[in-house]
Amino acid sequence: MYAGVPSKVEGQRSKVGWFDFQRDPELESQISNLSIESLSTFHFQDIPLGALCLPGLRWVLRIHHLNDDESTRYLLREYILSAWNVARKFDALLDQTQPRAVLVFNGQFFPEATARYIAQKRGLRVITHEVGFQPATAFFTEGEATAYPILFPNEFELSEEQNAKLDAYLAKRFQGDFTMAGIKFWADMKGLDESFLRKAAGFKQIVPVFTNVIFDTSQPHANTVFEDMFNWLDLVLEEIRAHPETLFVIRAHPDESRVRKSSRETVEGWVSSRGADKEPNVVFIGPKETLSSYELILKSKFVMVYNSTIGLEASIMGAVVLCAGKARFTQYPTVFFRRRWMT
């Protein structure tokens, strides 16, 4: 890892300091025989190294539920040793530079998470950043970037120009013409075909269930009501079986099958393991299928989401949305969240 000190304002080159890895024998000894559970909650010198490393480990393994095997334990041990190395050296760098603020990436992966923790412990201002919704944009915040904390005053209203800009953006989204982090998910978006419409005609109503990617960096923020998304889906399956008159359409997130980022713990796997696809009132839409979510929303009684952006879009389209995970839009009265799931 390296740390840079920007000095563009002063007209000189930035200073770069490399953090070479050095093992700590005492720490290595303490964690050598610990289980995944113990490593995940491990503290060293009052620093929650285990918790700081978990999001990055889940992301790199493309899973949420970690196996307690030697391969996984080895990776988490190495992450913890590396995080402690960052903590020591970043702390020393702060002593040397005395910065007014610290800028890190999204704060979820252990190098940035550790640097953020050390800086905040000193009372320093820390700014995190994440890719923005618009092309070639970024989102900066003193909060957690992957949670997108955006504050709007109660009296805020879009201007005519802003409304037109939003309408144009949504029009592209509804046609599948958009990218996120440089990735275009939909090469072609298909409408609801005749076979689906015939099946749907046999039910009283349609309820789509939109999922997310289990290891995504938004998930640590989302898991407030449920332990994780699959825990929520287990509850949804109970409701599916209790309401045979309703057609539930379970949709896997397209990012689950992204090239070089494919999830190893998938909604398709959950569907298969629970036998959800055997239920007569279930249609499963895989991550590579390009069926229009927006046409589905228009025909729905209401919409169920975990924390995907589609929940906000459905709300804009006038749909009733039940949201199970804390999302960037649940801080505003856009969807039904928390109380509805706890009663």
Protein backbone atom coordinates (compact mmCIF):
# COMPACT_ATOMS: atom_id res chain seq x y z
CA MET A 1 0.00 0.00 0.00
CA TYR A 2 1.07 3.58 -0.49
CA ALA A 3 -0.10 6.92 0.81
CA GLY A 4 0.07 10.11 -1.19
CA VAL A 5 0.13 13.67 0.04
CA PRO A 6 -1.42 15.93 -2.65
CA SER A 7 0.44 19.17 -3.25
CA LYS A 8 -0.91 20.32 -6.61
CA VAL A 9 -1.99 23.63 -5.10
CA GLU A 10 1.65 24.30 -4.19
CA GLY A 11 2.73 23.54 -7.75
CA GLN A 12 4.93 20.57 -6.85
CA ARG A 13 4.79 16.83 -7.28
CA SER A 14 2.84 14.78 -4.76
CA LYS A 15 4.83 12.97 -2.12
CA VAL A 16 4.35 9.22 -2.06
CA GLY A 17 5.18 6.96 0.88
CA TRP A 18 5.20 3.18 0.44
CA PHE A 19 4.02 0.90 3.21
CA ASP A 20 6.22 -2.19 2.97
CA PHE A 21 4.74 -5.25 4.65
CA GLN A 22 6.30 -6.31 7.94
CA ARG A 23 4.88 -9.14 10.00
CA ASP A 24 4.24 -8.71 13.70
CA PRO A 25 5.31 -11.98 15.43
CA GLU A 26 3.15 -11.31 18.51
CA LEU A 27 0.01 -10.74 16.43
CA GLU A 28 0.80 -13.70 14.18
CA SER A 29 1.05 -15.94 17.23
CA GLN A 30 -2.25 -14.71 18.68
CA ILE A 31 -4.26 -15.43 15.53
CA SER A 32 -2.51 -18.60 14.33
CA ASN A 33 -5.08 -21.07 15.67
CA LEU A 34 -8.27 -19.00 15.66
CA SER A 35 -11.48 -20.00 13.87
CA ILE A 36 -13.18 -17.84 11.24
CA GLU A 37 -15.69 -16.66 13.85
CA SER A 38 -12.93 -15.61 16.26
CA LEU A 39 -10.86 -13.98 13.52
CA SER A 40 -13.91 -12.04 12.32
CA THR A 41 -14.31 -10.34 15.71
CA PHE A 42 -10.60 -10.12 16.57
CA HIS A 43 -9.28 -6.93 18.26
CA PHE A 44 -5.63 -6.02 18.66
CA GLN A 45 -4.56 -3.01 20.72
CA ASP A 46 -8.15 -1.74 20.66
CA ILE A 47 -8.39 -1.91 16.85
CA PRO A 48 -11.18 -4.17 15.43
CA LEU A 49 -8.92 -5.70 12.80
CA GLY A 50 -11.26 -8.63 12.08
CA ALA A 51 -14.27 -6.45 11.38
CA LEU A 52 -12.20 -4.06 9.25
CA CYS A 53 -11.10 -6.98 7.06
CA LEU A 54 -14.43 -8.77 6.58
CA PRO A 55 -15.99 -6.68 3.76
CA GLY A 56 -12.86 -6.92 1.63
CA LEU A 57 -12.50 -10.65 2.23
CA ARG A 58 -16.11 -11.28 1.28
CA TRP A 59 -15.68 -9.13 -1.81
CA VAL A 60 -12.51 -10.87 -3.02
CA LEU A 61 -14.02 -14.33 -2.38
CA ARG A 62 -17.35 -13.26 -3.95
CA ILE A 63 -19.32 -14.73 -1.04
CA HIS A 64 -20.92 -13.56 2.21
CA HIS A 65 -20.94 -16.72 4.32
CA LEU A 66 -17.31 -17.65 4.94
CA ASN A 67 -16.25 -21.28 5.17
CA ASP A 68 -14.25 -22.19 8.27
CA ASP A 69 -11.54 -23.97 6.29
CA GLU A 70 -7.80 -23.41 6.23
CA SER A 71 -7.80 -21.53 2.91
CA THR A 72 -10.28 -18.96 4.21
CA ARG A 73 -8.61 -18.74 7.63
CA TYR A 74 -5.25 -18.18 5.94
CA LEU A 75 -6.58 -15.29 3.86
CA LEU A 76 -8.24 -13.64 6.85
CA ARG A 77 -5.08 -14.04 8.96
CA GLU A 78 -3.01 -12.42 6.22
CA TYR A 79 -5.55 -9.60 5.88
CA ILE A 80 -5.41 -8.99 9.63
CA LEU A 81 -1.60 -8.93 9.63
CA SER A 82 -1.63 -6.52 6.69
CA ALA A 83 -4.29 -4.30 8.30
CA TRP A 84 -2.18 -4.04 11.45
CA ASN A 85 0.84 -3.12 9.31
CA VAL A 86 -1.24 -0.35 7.68
CA ALA A 87 -2.44 0.83 11.10
CA ARG A 88 1.09 1.22 12.45
CA LYS A 89 2.57 2.85 9.37
CA PHE A 90 -0.37 5.11 8.63
CA ASP A 91 -0.35 6.26 12.24
CA ALA A 92 3.35 7.15 11.85
CA LEU A 93 2.60 8.94 8.56
CA LEU A 94 -0.03 11.06 10.27
CA ASP A 95 2.55 12.02 12.90
CA GLN A 96 4.96 13.09 10.16
CA THR A 97 2.54 14.98 7.93
CA GLN A 98 -0.07 16.36 10.37
CA PRO A 99 -2.78 16.54 7.65
CA ARG A 100 -5.98 18.53 7.98
CA ALA A 101 -7.99 15.77 6.30
CA VAL A 102 -7.64 12.27 4.87
CA LEU A 103 -9.10 11.12 1.55
CA VAL A 104 -9.55 7.38 1.00
CA PHE A 105 -11.42 5.15 -1.45
CA ASN A 106 -14.79 3.79 -0.32
CA GLY A 107 -13.58 2.73 3.12
CA GLN A 108 -14.76 -0.88 2.81
CA PHE A 109 -11.53 -2.68 1.88
CA PHE A 110 -9.11 -3.21 4.75
CA PRO A 111 -6.30 -0.77 3.75
CA GLU A 112 -8.74 2.15 3.37
CA ALA A 113 -10.94 0.98 6.25
CA THR A 114 -7.94 0.80 8.57
CA ALA A 115 -6.59 4.18 7.48
CA ARG A 116 -10.04 5.68 8.00
CA TYR A 117 -10.33 4.12 11.46
CA ILE A 118 -6.90 5.39 12.56
CA ALA A 119 -7.57 8.91 11.26
CA GLN A 120 -11.01 9.11 12.87
CA LYS A 121 -9.54 7.88 16.15
CA ARG A 122 -7.38 11.01 16.06
CA GLY A 123 -10.39 13.20 15.34
CA LEU A 124 -9.32 13.94 11.77
CA ARG A 125 -11.78 14.71 9.00
CA VAL A 126 -12.01 11.68 6.67
CA ILE A 127 -13.55 11.79 3.20
CA THR A 128 -14.44 8.61 1.32
CA HIS A 129 -15.39 8.36 -2.34
CA GLU A 130 -17.22 5.96 -4.62
CA VAL A 131 -18.22 5.82 -8.28
CA GLY A 132 -21.15 8.12 -9.09
CA PHE A 133 -24.38 7.31 -10.90
CA GLN A 134 -23.55 9.49 -13.88
CA PRO A 135 -20.71 8.49 -16.25
CA ALA A 136 -17.25 9.73 -15.24
CA THR A 137 -18.48 11.01 -11.87
CA ALA A 138 -17.60 10.25 -8.26
CA PHE A 139 -19.42 10.72 -4.95
CA PHE A 140 -17.49 12.20 -2.01
CA THR A 141 -18.68 12.26 1.60
CA GLU A 142 -17.51 12.55 5.18
CA GLY A 143 -19.77 9.57 5.86
CA GLU A 144 -19.54 6.15 4.23
CA ALA A 145 -19.46 6.49 0.46
CA THR A 146 -21.05 3.12 -0.29
CA ALA A 147 -24.10 4.17 1.75
CA TYR A 148 -24.45 7.39 -0.31
CA PRO A 149 -25.60 9.66 2.54
CA ILE A 150 -27.28 12.52 0.67
CA LEU A 151 -29.12 15.15 2.69
CA PHE A 152 -32.06 17.02 1.21
CA PRO A 153 -33.89 19.77 3.09
CA ASN A 154 -37.59 19.11 3.60
CA GLU A 155 -38.52 22.02 1.35
CA PHE A 156 -36.34 20.87 -1.56
CA GLU A 157 -38.01 20.55 -4.96
CA LEU A 158 -36.50 19.90 -8.36
CA SER A 159 -36.48 22.78 -10.80
CA GLU A 160 -38.00 22.34 -14.26
CA GLU A 161 -34.51 21.90 -15.71
CA GLN A 162 -33.61 19.29 -13.08
CA ASN A 163 -36.88 17.44 -13.66
CA ALA A 164 -36.20 17.33 -17.40
CA LYS A 165 -32.69 16.04 -16.77
CA LEU A 166 -34.02 13.33 -14.42
CA ASP A 167 -36.70 12.31 -16.92
CA ALA A 168 -34.11 11.97 -19.67
CA TYR A 169 -31.88 9.88 -17.41
CA LEU A 170 -34.74 7.61 -16.35
CA ALA A 171 -35.89 7.22 -19.95
CA LYS A 172 -32.48 5.75 -20.76
CA ARG A 173 -32.58 3.53 -17.67
CA PHE A 174 -35.99 2.18 -18.60
CA GLN A 175 -34.57 1.15 -21.97
CA GLY A 176 -31.52 -0.49 -20.42
CA ASP A 177 -29.26 2.23 -21.84
CA PHE A 178 -26.95 2.89 -18.90
CA THR A 179 -23.61 1.94 -17.38
CA MET A 180 -22.32 1.62 -13.81
CA ALA A 181 -18.60 1.77 -13.11
CA GLY A 182 -18.06 1.59 -16.86
CA ILE A 183 -20.11 -1.61 -17.22
CA LYS A 184 -23.09 -1.76 -19.59
CA PHE A 185 -25.31 -4.52 -18.18
CA TRP A 186 -28.00 -4.63 -20.85
CA ALA A 187 -26.98 -5.09 -24.47
CA ASP A 188 -30.66 -5.62 -25.25
CA MET A 189 -33.73 -5.37 -23.03
CA LYS A 190 -36.72 -7.62 -23.77
CA GLY A 191 -40.35 -7.05 -22.90
CA LEU A 192 -42.60 -9.56 -21.16
CA ASP A 193 -43.16 -12.42 -23.61
CA GLU A 194 -46.39 -14.29 -24.34
CA SER A 195 -45.47 -17.34 -22.25
CA PHE A 196 -44.93 -15.16 -19.18
CA LEU A 197 -48.16 -13.24 -19.73
CA ARG A 198 -50.11 -16.49 -20.12
CA LYS A 199 -48.70 -17.79 -16.85
CA ALA A 200 -49.34 -14.49 -15.07
CA ALA A 201 -52.98 -14.53 -16.25
CA GLY A 202 -53.59 -17.49 -13.98
CA PHE A 203 -52.81 -15.47 -10.84
CA LYS A 204 -54.54 -12.69 -8.99
CA GLN A 205 -51.48 -10.43 -8.93
CA ILE A 206 -47.72 -10.18 -9.64
CA VAL A 207 -45.06 -9.33 -7.05
CA PRO A 208 -41.46 -8.99 -8.27
CA VAL A 209 -38.63 -9.72 -5.82
CA PHE A 210 -35.44 -7.83 -6.71
CA THR A 211 -32.23 -9.08 -5.11
CA ASN A 212 -28.67 -7.77 -4.84
CA VAL A 213 -25.13 -9.14 -4.95
CA ILE A 214 -24.40 -10.72 -1.57
CA PHE A 215 -20.76 -9.56 -1.31
CA ASP A 216 -21.36 -6.04 -2.64
CA THR A 217 -19.85 -3.20 -0.62
CA SER A 218 -23.35 -1.85 0.03
CA GLN A 219 -24.29 -4.96 2.03
CA PRO A 220 -22.59 -4.08 5.35
CA HIS A 221 -24.90 -1.05 5.49
CA ALA A 222 -27.93 -2.97 4.26
CA ASN A 223 -27.95 -5.78 6.84
CA THR A 224 -29.75 -4.00 9.68
CA VAL A 225 -33.12 -5.78 9.84
CA PHE A 226 -31.95 -9.13 8.45
CA GLU A 227 -28.63 -10.88 8.99
CA ASP A 228 -28.15 -10.93 5.22
CA MET A 229 -30.11 -10.97 1.97
CA PHE A 230 -30.55 -14.76 1.94
CA ASN A 231 -32.04 -14.59 5.43
CA TRP A 232 -34.63 -12.20 3.97
CA LEU A 233 -35.24 -14.49 0.98
CA ASP A 234 -35.99 -17.36 3.37
CA LEU A 235 -38.78 -15.23 4.85
CA VAL A 236 -39.97 -14.28 1.37
CA LEU A 237 -40.22 -17.99 0.49
CA GLU A 238 -42.53 -18.52 3.47
CA GLU A 239 -44.77 -15.75 2.11
CA ILE A 240 -44.64 -17.27 -1.37
CA ARG A 241 -45.93 -20.58 -0.02
CA ALA A 242 -48.60 -18.81 2.02
CA HIS A 243 -49.96 -16.91 -1.00
CA PRO A 244 -50.54 -19.31 -3.92
CA GLU A 245 -52.82 -16.75 -5.60
CA THR A 246 -49.85 -14.43 -6.20
CA LEU A 247 -47.15 -14.88 -8.85
CA PHE A 248 -43.74 -14.00 -7.39
CA VAL A 249 -41.00 -13.16 -9.88
CA ILE A 250 -37.57 -13.53 -8.27
CA ARG A 251 -34.97 -11.58 -10.19
CA ALA A 252 -31.21 -12.09 -9.71
CA HIS A 253 -29.08 -8.95 -9.98
CA PRO A 254 -27.22 -8.72 -13.34
CA ASP A 255 -23.95 -7.99 -11.51
CA GLU A 256 -23.96 -11.55 -10.13
CA SER A 257 -22.55 -12.79 -13.42
CA ARG A 258 -20.26 -9.87 -14.29
CA VAL A 259 -17.06 -10.98 -16.04
CA ARG A 260 -14.17 -11.34 -13.54
CA LYS A 261 -16.59 -10.53 -10.69
CA SER A 262 -19.03 -13.43 -10.79
CA SER A 263 -20.59 -14.25 -7.44
CA ARG A 264 -19.83 -17.63 -5.87
CA GLU A 265 -22.88 -17.36 -3.61
CA THR A 266 -25.82 -16.65 -5.87
CA VAL A 267 -29.56 -16.18 -5.84
CA GLU A 268 -29.78 -18.95 -8.41
CA GLY A 269 -27.99 -21.23 -5.94
CA TRP A 270 -30.40 -20.19 -3.20
CA VAL A 271 -33.40 -20.85 -5.47
CA SER A 272 -32.08 -24.32 -6.29
CA SER A 273 -31.16 -25.25 -2.70
CA ARG A 274 -34.56 -24.15 -1.33
CA GLY A 275 -36.56 -25.59 -4.20
CA ALA A 276 -38.12 -22.18 -4.78
CA ASP A 277 -38.25 -22.77 -8.53
CA LYS A 278 -40.47 -25.80 -7.89
CA GLU A 279 -43.20 -23.61 -6.42
CA PRO A 280 -46.05 -23.20 -8.97
CA ASN A 281 -46.30 -19.46 -8.22
CA VAL A 282 -42.62 -18.63 -8.78
CA VAL A 283 -40.78 -17.44 -11.89
CA PHE A 284 -37.03 -17.10 -11.53
CA ILE A 285 -35.16 -14.62 -13.76
CA GLY A 286 -31.42 -15.29 -13.90
CA PRO A 287 -28.71 -12.58 -13.97
CA LYS A 288 -28.07 -12.96 -17.71
CA GLU A 289 -31.71 -12.68 -18.74
CA THR A 290 -32.61 -9.27 -20.17
CA LEU A 291 -36.30 -9.15 -19.35
CA SER A 292 -37.43 -5.59 -18.61
CA SER A 293 -37.75 -5.01 -14.87
CA TYR A 294 -39.68 -1.83 -15.61
CA GLU A 295 -42.45 -3.59 -17.56
CA LEU A 296 -42.63 -6.03 -14.67
CA ILE A 297 -43.04 -3.18 -12.18
CA LEU A 298 -45.88 -1.65 -14.20
CA LYS A 299 -47.86 -4.91 -13.95
CA SER A 300 -47.14 -5.48 -10.25
CA LYS A 301 -49.35 -5.23 -7.18
CA PHE A 302 -46.30 -4.07 -5.23
CA VAL A 303 -42.52 -4.54 -5.38
CA MET A 304 -40.12 -6.22 -2.95
CA VAL A 305 -36.42 -5.30 -2.88
CA TYR A 306 -33.46 -5.76 -0.57
CA ASN A 307 -31.50 -2.57 -1.21
CA SER A 308 -31.14 -2.25 -4.99
CA THR A 309 -31.57 1.04 -6.85
CA ILE A 310 -34.54 -0.52 -8.67
CA GLY A 311 -36.49 0.10 -5.45
CA LEU A 312 -36.10 3.85 -5.84
CA GLU A 313 -36.95 3.66 -9.53
CA ALA A 314 -40.07 1.63 -8.77
CA SER A 315 -41.10 4.27 -6.23
CA ILE A 316 -40.64 7.01 -8.85
CA MET A 317 -42.82 4.95 -11.18
CA GLY A 318 -45.56 5.04 -8.55
CA ALA A 319 -45.23 1.50 -7.23
CA VAL A 320 -45.55 0.51 -3.58
CA VAL A 321 -42.12 -0.79 -2.53
CA LEU A 322 -41.29 -2.98 0.48
CA CYS A 323 -37.56 -2.63 1.17
CA ALA A 324 -35.84 -5.18 3.41
CA GLY A 325 -32.32 -3.75 3.59
CA LYS A 326 -31.14 -0.28 4.49
CA ALA A 327 -30.52 1.51 1.18
CA ARG A 328 -29.28 4.90 0.03
CA PHE A 329 -32.94 5.95 -0.36
CA THR A 330 -34.50 4.54 2.84
CA GLN A 331 -33.53 7.65 4.79
CA TYR A 332 -36.38 9.38 2.93
CA PRO A 333 -40.08 8.47 2.68
CA THR A 334 -39.71 6.71 -0.68
CA VAL A 335 -40.33 3.07 0.34
CA PHE A 336 -41.70 1.05 3.25
CA PHE A 337 -38.74 -0.01 5.39
CA ARG A 338 -38.02 -1.63 8.75
CA ARG A 339 -41.30 -1.36 10.66
CA ARG A 340 -43.20 -3.33 8.02
CA TRP A 341 -40.71 -6.19 8.30
CA MET A 342 -40.66 -6.22 12.08
CA THR A 343 -44.44 -6.40 12.68
